[in-house]
Structures are given as structure tokens and as C-alpha cells.
Protein backbone atom coordinates (compact mmCIF):
# COMPACT_ATOMS: atom_id res chain seq x y z
CA MET A 1 -15.30 8.14 26.87
CA ASN A 2 -13.75 5.41 24.76
CA ASN A 3 -12.12 2.41 26.35
CA ILE A 4 -8.72 3.79 27.38
CA SER A 5 -7.33 0.27 27.78
CA LYS A 6 -7.24 -0.01 24.00
CA ILE A 7 -4.22 1.11 22.01
CA PRO A 8 -4.90 4.56 20.52
CA LEU A 9 -4.33 4.59 16.76
CA VAL A 10 -4.59 7.34 14.18
CA VAL A 11 -4.83 6.08 10.60
CA ILE A 12 -3.92 8.61 7.90
CA ALA A 13 -4.67 7.28 4.45
CA GLY A 14 -5.61 8.52 0.99
CA PRO A 15 -4.70 8.22 -2.65
CA THR A 16 -1.20 8.90 -3.88
CA ALA A 17 0.04 12.51 -4.03
CA THR A 18 -2.27 13.86 -1.31
CA GLY A 19 0.54 14.73 1.11
CA LYS A 20 0.05 11.93 3.63
CA THR A 21 3.68 11.87 4.73
CA GLU A 22 3.94 15.60 5.39
CA VAL A 23 0.66 15.69 7.29
CA ALA A 24 1.44 12.55 9.30
CA VAL A 25 4.87 13.81 10.34
CA GLU A 26 3.38 17.01 11.74
CA VAL A 27 0.58 15.13 13.52
CA ALA A 28 3.15 12.74 14.98
CA ARG A 29 5.29 15.62 16.24
CA ASP A 30 2.29 17.17 18.02
CA LEU A 31 0.98 13.90 19.50
CA ASP A 32 4.33 12.27 20.43
CA GLY A 33 3.72 9.76 17.68
CA GLU A 34 5.67 7.28 15.62
CA ILE A 35 4.72 6.35 12.06
CA VAL A 36 4.08 2.81 10.87
CA SER A 37 4.10 2.70 7.07
CA ALA A 38 1.15 1.04 5.33
CA ASP A 39 2.77 1.25 1.90
CA SER A 40 3.40 -2.00 0.03
CA MET A 41 6.30 -0.49 -1.92
CA GLN A 42 8.17 1.40 0.79
CA ILE A 43 8.99 -1.92 2.46
CA TYR A 44 11.67 -2.50 -0.22
CA ARG A 45 15.26 -1.38 0.11
CA PHE A 46 16.96 0.45 -2.78
CA MET A 47 13.59 1.67 -4.10
CA ASP A 48 13.41 5.25 -2.88
CA ILE A 49 12.47 7.65 -5.65
CA GLY A 50 9.68 5.66 -7.28
CA THR A 51 8.09 4.93 -3.89
CA ALA A 52 8.31 8.55 -2.71
CA LYS A 53 10.05 7.32 0.41
CA PRO A 54 10.59 10.17 2.89
CA ASN A 55 14.19 11.21 3.47
CA VAL A 56 15.74 12.13 6.83
CA GLN A 57 14.87 15.80 6.42
CA GLU A 58 11.25 15.02 5.59
CA MET A 59 10.92 12.72 8.61
CA LYS A 60 11.84 15.64 10.92
CA GLY A 61 13.02 13.33 13.66
CA VAL A 62 9.83 11.24 13.71
CA SER A 63 10.48 7.49 13.85
CA HIS A 64 9.26 5.60 10.77
CA HIS A 65 8.70 1.83 10.89
CA LEU A 66 8.27 -0.91 8.25
CA VAL A 67 10.27 1.07 5.69
CA ASP A 68 13.35 -0.51 4.04
CA ILE A 69 12.81 -3.88 5.70
CA ILE A 70 13.31 -6.34 2.81
CA ASP A 71 15.23 -6.60 -0.47
CA PRO A 72 13.26 -6.30 -3.74
CA ASP A 73 13.47 -10.04 -4.46
CA THR A 74 12.16 -11.14 -1.05
CA ASP A 75 8.67 -12.58 -0.68
CA PHE A 76 6.42 -10.59 1.61
CA THR A 77 2.78 -11.31 2.43
CA VAL A 78 -0.09 -9.36 3.93
CA ALA A 79 -0.09 -11.82 6.83
CA MET A 80 3.55 -10.91 7.51
CA PHE A 81 2.69 -7.23 7.40
CA GLN A 82 -0.21 -7.73 9.81
CA LYS A 83 2.05 -9.41 12.36
CA LEU A 84 4.85 -6.85 12.07
CA ALA A 85 2.54 -3.84 12.13
CA ARG A 86 0.63 -4.99 15.20
CA GLU A 87 3.82 -5.83 17.08
CA THR A 88 5.33 -2.48 16.13
CA MET A 89 2.28 -0.49 17.19
CA LYS A 90 2.09 -2.30 20.52
CA ASN A 91 5.75 -1.49 21.19
CA ILE A 92 5.20 2.16 20.27
CA TYR A 93 2.32 2.32 22.74
CA LEU A 94 4.35 0.61 25.48
CA ARG A 95 7.03 3.28 24.99
CA GLY A 96 4.36 5.86 25.82
CA ASN A 97 3.98 7.12 22.26
CA MET A 98 1.12 7.24 19.77
CA PRO A 99 1.17 4.88 16.77
CA LEU A 100 0.12 6.38 13.43
CA LEU A 101 -0.64 3.99 10.57
CA VAL A 102 0.08 5.93 7.38
CA GLY A 103 -0.16 4.93 3.73
CA GLY A 104 -2.25 4.20 0.71
CA THR A 105 -2.24 0.39 0.54
CA GLY A 106 -5.81 -0.43 1.48
CA PHE A 107 -5.28 -4.14 2.02
CA TYR A 108 -2.43 -3.43 4.45
CA ILE A 109 -4.67 -1.10 6.44
CA ASP A 110 -7.46 -3.68 6.34
CA ALA A 111 -5.11 -6.32 7.70
CA VAL A 112 -4.45 -4.19 10.77
CA LEU A 113 -8.02 -3.03 11.41
CA TYR A 114 -9.62 -6.42 10.80
CA ASP A 115 -8.75 -9.78 12.26
CA TYR A 116 -8.32 -11.61 8.97
CA ASP A 117 -7.96 -15.36 9.10
CA PHE A 118 -5.28 -15.87 6.47
CA SER A 119 -5.23 -19.62 7.03
CA GLY A 120 -8.84 -20.23 6.00
CA ALA A 121 -7.81 -21.92 2.75
CA ARG A 122 -5.06 -24.42 3.40
CA ALA A 123 -2.07 -24.96 1.14
CA ASP A 124 -2.56 -27.68 -1.47
CA ASP A 125 0.92 -28.75 -2.53
CA VAL A 126 -0.27 -31.09 -5.28
CA PHE A 127 -2.47 -28.40 -6.83
CA ARG A 128 0.33 -25.84 -6.56
CA ARG A 129 2.84 -28.12 -8.26
CA SER A 130 0.43 -28.79 -11.13
CA LEU A 131 0.04 -25.06 -11.74
CA GLN A 132 3.77 -24.45 -11.47
CA GLN A 133 4.36 -27.17 -14.05
CA LYS A 134 1.75 -25.59 -16.30
CA ALA A 135 3.54 -22.26 -16.00
CA GLU A 136 6.88 -23.90 -16.85
CA GLN A 137 5.41 -25.63 -19.90
CA LYS A 138 3.06 -22.96 -21.25
CA GLY A 139 4.15 -19.75 -19.50
CA ASN A 140 2.80 -17.70 -16.61
CA GLU A 141 0.10 -16.25 -18.85
CA ALA A 142 -1.58 -19.65 -19.15
CA VAL A 143 -2.03 -19.84 -15.37
CA HIS A 144 -3.11 -16.21 -15.16
CA LYS A 145 -5.84 -16.92 -17.74
CA LEU A 146 -7.21 -19.63 -15.45
CA LEU A 147 -7.62 -16.99 -12.75
CA GLN A 148 -9.19 -14.55 -15.17
CA ALA A 149 -11.84 -17.14 -15.95
CA VAL A 150 -12.92 -17.68 -12.31
CA ASP A 151 -11.98 -14.42 -10.55
CA PRO A 152 -11.46 -11.58 -13.04
CA ASP A 153 -11.32 -8.86 -10.37
CA THR A 154 -8.45 -10.53 -8.53
CA ALA A 155 -6.73 -11.33 -11.83
CA ALA A 156 -6.84 -7.66 -12.75
CA ARG A 157 -4.95 -6.79 -9.56
CA ILE A 158 -2.26 -9.46 -9.84
CA HIS A 159 0.44 -9.20 -12.48
CA VAL A 160 0.80 -12.11 -14.85
CA ASN A 161 4.35 -12.77 -13.60
CA ASP A 162 3.39 -12.79 -9.92
CA LEU A 163 2.89 -16.55 -10.15
CA LYS A 164 2.83 -17.16 -6.40
CA ARG A 165 -0.15 -14.86 -5.82
CA VAL A 166 -1.94 -16.11 -8.95
CA ILE A 167 -1.66 -19.70 -7.72
CA ARG A 168 -2.81 -18.72 -4.23
CA ALA A 169 -5.91 -17.01 -5.66
CA LEU A 170 -6.72 -20.12 -7.70
CA GLU A 171 -6.16 -22.24 -4.60
CA ILE A 172 -8.65 -20.13 -2.62
CA HIS A 173 -11.25 -20.41 -5.38
CA ARG A 174 -10.75 -24.16 -5.70
CA GLN A 175 -11.19 -24.81 -1.98
CA THR A 176 -13.87 -22.25 -1.09
CA GLY A 177 -15.76 -21.75 -4.34
CA THR A 178 -15.50 -17.97 -3.83
CA THR A 179 -13.39 -15.18 -5.22
CA GLY A 180 -10.48 -13.81 -3.23
CA ALA A 181 -12.40 -10.69 -2.20
CA LEU A 182 -15.41 -12.65 -0.97
CA PHE A 183 -13.16 -15.10 0.86
CA ARG A 184 -11.45 -12.21 2.67
CA ASN A 185 -14.77 -10.55 3.52
CA ASN A 186 -16.11 -13.78 4.98
CA ASN A 187 -12.96 -14.25 7.05
CA LYS A 188 -12.51 -10.82 8.60
CA HIS A 189 -13.77 -9.48 11.88
CA THR A 190 -13.11 -6.11 13.47
CA TYR A 191 -9.91 -6.20 15.51
CA GLN A 192 -10.86 -4.97 18.97
CA GLU A 193 -7.47 -3.87 20.31
CA TYR A 194 -7.45 -0.32 18.92
CA ASP A 195 -9.20 2.96 19.64
CA ILE A 196 -9.17 4.34 16.11
CA LEU A 197 -9.45 7.62 14.27
CA PHE A 198 -9.36 6.92 10.52
CA VAL A 199 -8.88 9.94 8.25
CA VAL A 200 -8.51 10.00 4.49
CA LEU A 201 -6.90 12.96 2.73
CA ASN A 202 -8.25 13.90 -0.67
CA TYR A 203 -8.37 16.59 -3.36
CA GLU A 204 -10.85 17.29 -6.11
CA ARG A 205 -10.12 15.06 -9.08
CA GLU A 206 -8.54 17.65 -11.38
CA THR A 207 -6.34 18.99 -8.60
CA LEU A 208 -5.33 15.47 -7.60
CA TYR A 209 -4.41 14.60 -11.18
CA LYS A 210 -2.26 17.73 -11.47
CA ARG A 211 -0.50 16.82 -8.23
CA ILE A 212 0.11 13.32 -9.59
CA GLU A 213 1.62 14.69 -12.80
CA ASN A 214 3.86 17.07 -10.83
CA ARG A 215 4.89 14.21 -8.56
CA VAL A 216 5.91 12.06 -11.54
CA ASP A 217 7.89 14.95 -13.05
CA LYS A 218 9.74 15.41 -9.75
CA MET A 219 10.55 11.70 -9.60
CA ILE A 220 12.04 11.89 -13.08
CA ASP A 221 14.06 14.96 -12.11
CA ARG A 222 15.32 13.22 -8.98
CA GLY A 223 16.69 10.30 -11.01
CA LEU A 224 14.01 7.63 -11.30
CA VAL A 225 15.52 6.30 -14.53
CA THR A 226 18.91 5.88 -12.85
CA GLU A 227 17.27 4.13 -9.90
CA VAL A 228 15.53 1.61 -12.14
CA HIS A 229 18.74 1.06 -14.14
CA SER A 230 20.60 0.34 -10.89
CA LEU A 231 17.99 -2.18 -9.77
CA LEU A 232 18.06 -4.03 -13.10
CA ASP A 233 21.86 -4.00 -13.11
CA ALA A 234 21.80 -5.49 -9.59
CA GLY A 235 19.81 -8.44 -10.91
CA TYR A 236 16.32 -7.45 -9.78
CA HIS A 237 14.41 -8.61 -12.85
CA ARG A 238 11.13 -7.23 -14.18
CA GLY A 239 9.10 -10.26 -13.11
CA LEU A 240 9.51 -9.48 -9.39
CA VAL A 241 6.50 -8.14 -7.52
CA SER A 242 8.56 -5.13 -6.45
CA MET A 243 9.55 -4.31 -10.02
CA GLN A 244 5.90 -4.29 -11.06
CA GLY A 245 5.34 -1.25 -8.86
CA LEU A 246 4.32 2.08 -10.36
CA GLY A 247 7.31 3.86 -11.85
CA TYR A 248 9.48 0.77 -12.05
CA LYS A 249 7.55 -1.21 -14.65
CA GLU A 250 7.01 1.84 -16.89
CA ILE A 251 10.64 2.98 -16.78
CA ALA A 252 11.86 -0.60 -17.27
CA GLY A 253 9.82 -0.72 -20.46
CA PHE A 254 11.63 2.38 -21.69
CA ILE A 255 15.01 0.93 -20.72
CA TYR A 256 14.23 -2.20 -22.74
CA ASN A 257 13.28 -0.06 -25.75
CA GLU A 258 9.60 -1.01 -25.75
CA TYR A 259 8.58 2.65 -26.04
CA SER A 260 10.10 6.11 -25.89
CA PHE A 261 10.99 8.07 -22.76
CA ASP A 262 8.10 10.50 -23.28
CA GLU A 263 5.73 7.56 -23.72
CA ALA A 264 7.05 6.00 -20.50
CA VAL A 265 6.40 9.20 -18.56
CA GLU A 266 2.88 9.56 -19.94
CA LEU A 267 2.20 5.90 -19.23
CA LEU A 268 3.35 6.37 -15.64
CA LYS A 269 1.12 9.40 -15.18
CA ARG A 270 -1.87 7.56 -16.63
CA ASN A 271 -1.28 4.45 -14.52
CA THR A 272 -0.85 6.55 -11.38
CA ARG A 273 -4.13 8.37 -12.03
CA ARG A 274 -5.86 5.00 -12.42
CA PHE A 275 -4.22 3.74 -9.25
CA ALA A 276 -5.44 6.78 -7.30
CA LYS A 277 -8.96 6.10 -8.54
CA ARG A 278 -8.75 2.50 -7.29
CA GLN A 279 -7.45 3.71 -3.93
CA LEU A 280 -10.41 6.05 -3.53
CA THR A 281 -12.81 3.24 -4.40
CA TRP A 282 -11.22 1.09 -1.69
CA PHE A 283 -11.41 3.78 1.01
CA ARG A 284 -15.03 4.60 0.21
CA ARG A 285 -15.96 1.14 1.47
CA TYR A 286 -15.32 2.23 5.04
CA SER A 287 -18.25 3.72 6.95
CA SER A 288 -16.31 5.21 9.87
CA ILE A 289 -13.68 7.32 8.13
CA LYS A 290 -13.36 11.10 8.28
CA TRP A 291 -12.70 12.65 4.89
CA ILE A 292 -10.29 15.60 4.85
CA ASP A 293 -10.86 17.90 1.86
CA MET A 294 -7.34 19.29 1.53
CA GLU A 295 -8.49 22.23 -0.61
CA LYS A 296 -10.45 23.67 2.31
CA TYR A 297 -7.27 24.32 4.28
CA ASP A 298 -4.73 27.08 3.63
CA THR A 299 -1.81 25.35 5.32
CA ILE A 300 -0.66 21.92 6.44
CA ASN A 301 -0.81 23.18 10.02
CA ASN A 302 -4.54 23.78 9.65
CA VAL A 303 -4.99 20.22 8.39
CA VAL A 304 -3.00 18.96 11.37
CA GLU A 305 -5.13 20.97 13.79
CA GLU A 306 -8.29 19.50 12.22
CA ILE A 307 -6.99 15.95 12.64
CA LYS A 308 -5.98 16.64 16.25
CA SER A 309 -9.46 18.05 16.92
CA LEU A 310 -11.07 14.98 15.37
CA TRP A 311 -8.85 12.76 17.49
CA LEU A 312 -9.80 14.49 20.73
CA THR A 313 -13.47 14.32 19.82
CA ALA A 314 -13.22 10.62 18.99
CA ARG A 315 -11.10 9.85 22.04
CA TYR A 316 -13.38 11.50 24.59
CA ARG A 317 -16.81 11.34 23.02
């Protein structure tokens, strides 16, 4: 039997459009659970449609945490998420309920499952100011190009206008001589406080891509364009990290007449497919996950029963 003194934790992850929310809600209802979101976009208020945030009906009375916790122009770090998520899950457990960590942001999940040392590379104020001045004089792209030269993988993940994260990545490289990914890998250790079942939902590629396209069409029908208009009108500019999220950057481009509406929709579908591919690549790094082939199950209830069975097996093996 596993160590029952540890906090039990079910992680339900997977690429976008695999039905994580629906599955997690039903699992939570059966296991007296509460859901902790591991979605880097659902943390933002006023961003509902483009983030596929569950509504009250979809939550079915299950408590959801770390959703709608900051405004779109507020800085938020992985270290902050780690602290909040762990505190939240401990409180759920102390209430006698089961925490479920649910979402598709791999780095957020990593931050909970591993004991990252986020302070390994100290802040260098002089270096930061020099890069900020460079950005002011020559534009954010000039600083982003510096990162591309030393850490192209990290540069590909960070938008050119996310100057804070670009500078931090350069700071890590300058002090450690390693890329951001290698620095994180060298500074993470398994967090020992949880008794974990980690499942990843997935579909065959063609089916997943069709689900993604249908999901985008539904977002458009629900009023994604109006949502992005409202955010821009409220002063949340395109350079914000939040506004670089899928759905928001593509529709903003349409609003600013950079391409047509049809082109914006196709761009969003393409970018979402690419994002799903990156998510799958991330999750394949884990050796202990249980893959759930959603096409093998006729109903959501059957998927839920499989996850519950896996949990009991893992809990009492």
C-alpha cells in the first residue's frame, strides 16, 4: 500500500480539446474531489471564451480553484502558481476532499510535481536595466534576438513582447551558462508530499484536429471576437502575456486589420493544432503517466470508471 500520510492527488492532463474539464468534473463528483486548474490562461479574469473556461453549469457543483484570480495585466509567475497550488491542495485535503490537478500547461504541472528551485539564478539588477534600456532604444525584438542566439528553444516559447521573461531567460543563461530548460532540469527534484495518479487524455491525431477545429468554431459562435474587442477597449493591449494567448492574438490581428476574419480563424486553428502537438511532446517526457485513449470508450462515464480503477490500483498496490 502507498504511504497514506501523503496527500492523494489525481492529475488529469492532455492536449487542448480532449475533454479534460468534463472528465475531471465527473471524477471529482465520484471521489469527493475539488479541481485545481493547471491552465496558464484560465487564471485571468474577463477571458472566458478563448480559454474555454467552464461555466457554472459545466462545473456541476464541483469547486474549481485558481480560475479568475488575476486581471489580464497582472504579472504572474510559475513560482507563484506553485505556491498557490500547493497551498490550495493541502487545504482541500484537510477538508477531507480529494485534490485534482487539471489542465494542459505542462510547466504548471511540473512545478507542482517537482520541487523546483526558482531562486537558483539570482536577480541581476544592473544586467536587467541594461537590457531594458536596449529594448527602449532598439525595441523588444533586439533583446529577443539576443535570446534566440543563446537559447533558441526558450526564445521560441516566449513572445517578443514578453520582455520580462526574455530578460529572465537571458539572466539565467548569463549566470549558469545553460539554457532555461537545462537550468530547470538541474534544479528540480521530485516533490515527496503527494501520492499521485497522473493520467493524460488523448485522441488519434486526425480526431484531435477535428475536435480542435470544432472547438474554435464554437468559440467564434459564442462571441470570441466580442470578448477580444472588450479586452482591447478596456486597455488590455496586445503586448501583454495574457493577450498573446491562443485566440486572443489571432483575433486581435483581425481587429487591427492585419488579415481577414477567415484568415484569423484558420490561423487560430493552425496555431492550436501546433500547440496541441507541443503539449503532447511535453507529456511524453513523463515515465509514470497513464495514457487514456479516449476513442476506446463509448461514454465519459466509462472514462471516469477507468480513471477511478487506475486510482484504486495505484493507491493500494
